[in-house]
């Protein structure tokens, strides 16, 4: 005889796991210290140990320090949604739009040559370089800014509230 877990209980377990991931990620990012040159990312001191150091390093390297805090916010939002039996479709659209806006802001910060580790992250720098090489200094700002403002207009139309 196999035991079945109810859908409500599964949803609560998922909400708990997402909240725990959000706390782990937030604490890891809050206590992030860059590793020494040529040292492994997990060797840096972090309140969550080597796993937290590696997690924070990966998020900061990819998204930049400022945008990396969107990951725990997203985890907390999804945790709350699952715990309260919220609508998945609406949160999925908001998550996608929020991620796209963060990507476009990081790209604009990369075009402005702001610090990669603090502001633009790897994804912002990479797309900024691609825009700059394809469109030049002025064209990349025109296209990047237009994409950002078009996304913001669509987001406001779809009910994305700041």
Foldseek 3Di string as FASTA:
>chain_A
DDDDDDPLVVLLVLLVVLLVVLVLQVQLLVFEDQDDPPDDQLVDDGPNHSVSSVSNVVLLQAAASVCSNVSSVLSNVSSVCSNVVHDPVLSVVLNVLVVVLSLLQLLVVLLVVDDQSHGNHPSNVVVVVVLCVVQNSVGSCVVSVVVNVVSVVVCVVSPNDD
